[in-house]
Amino acid sequence: MKHIAEQVFFGAIVELASLILSYLLKKKPRTAIIVFATGTFLAGFIAFSPTTSSTTNSPPTTIANNTAKPSPLRTMVPTATPLRVPTPFVSSFAACLQPCDGSNSTRNFPEAITKIYVQWDYGNIPYGSRYIRRWTMDGREWIKYDCIWTGNESGRDTLALTEPKGLHSGTWEVTISINGDVVLREQIFISGNWNYWDPAGTLHTCYGTTE
C-alpha cells in the first residue's frame, strides 16, 4: 500500500508541475491547479506516514518434552547360598551292667554298684569344638570333662562310670554339650541308701579314668 501511494505522489508531482507550467502559459485554469495540488499533498501525506504493524505478538510456543528418562539398569548381584553346617548330635544312649551289646540296656542299677557301662553314638562334632560332659547325682556334680574336641567327627563312645567304693544311691544324669548346645541328656537310677560321695571335680580332658 505504501509503495503505491509513493508512486501516485511522484506522479502527481510531475502532473502538478505540468499544470503550473500550463497556467503560466495560460492553458489551464487556476481552480484545476488548486484541486490537483491538494490531492498531491494528500498522496504525499499517505505515502510518508508511518504505518502501524498489525502483527500480533504471539506468546512463545512451549514444546513439551515428553521423552521419558530411561530407567537405570538393575545390576543383579548373585546371592551366595549360606553353607549349611551339619548339627552335632549324640544318640542311641545305653547303660548296662556289662559291656553294652544292644540287648542288655537298663536304667535301674543295684545299691553300691561300682561300675556302670555306658555307650552312645555321636556325629558332626567339628574338630576344635568346645566339648563338655557332666555327671551329676541328684543335681550335685560328680565329675566334669571340659576339653577341646580332637577326636573323630563321628563315632561311638563306650565308657564305664566307675567308683571302687560304690556309686552313691540316687538319680544320676549325664549331659553332653558341644559349643554350648546340649546334645545329650539321659538319666539312670541307683537304688538303695548308699551315700559314699567323693566327687572328682573338673578334668580338662575329653576322657578320664573314672569312665
Foldseek 3Di string as FASTA:
>chain_A
DLVVLVVVLVVLVVVLVVQVVCVVVPNDDPVVSVVSVVVSVVSVCSNPDDDDDPDDDDPDDDDDDPDDDDDDDDDDDDDDDDDDQDDKAKDDKFKAPDFDDPPGGDQEAEFQDFKIKMKIWIASQDQQWWKKKFKAFPPHTQEMETEGDHDDRIDMDIDMQGDPRGDAFGKMWMWMATNRHTRDIDIGGYDDGHHDGDGPYYDHHPDDDRD
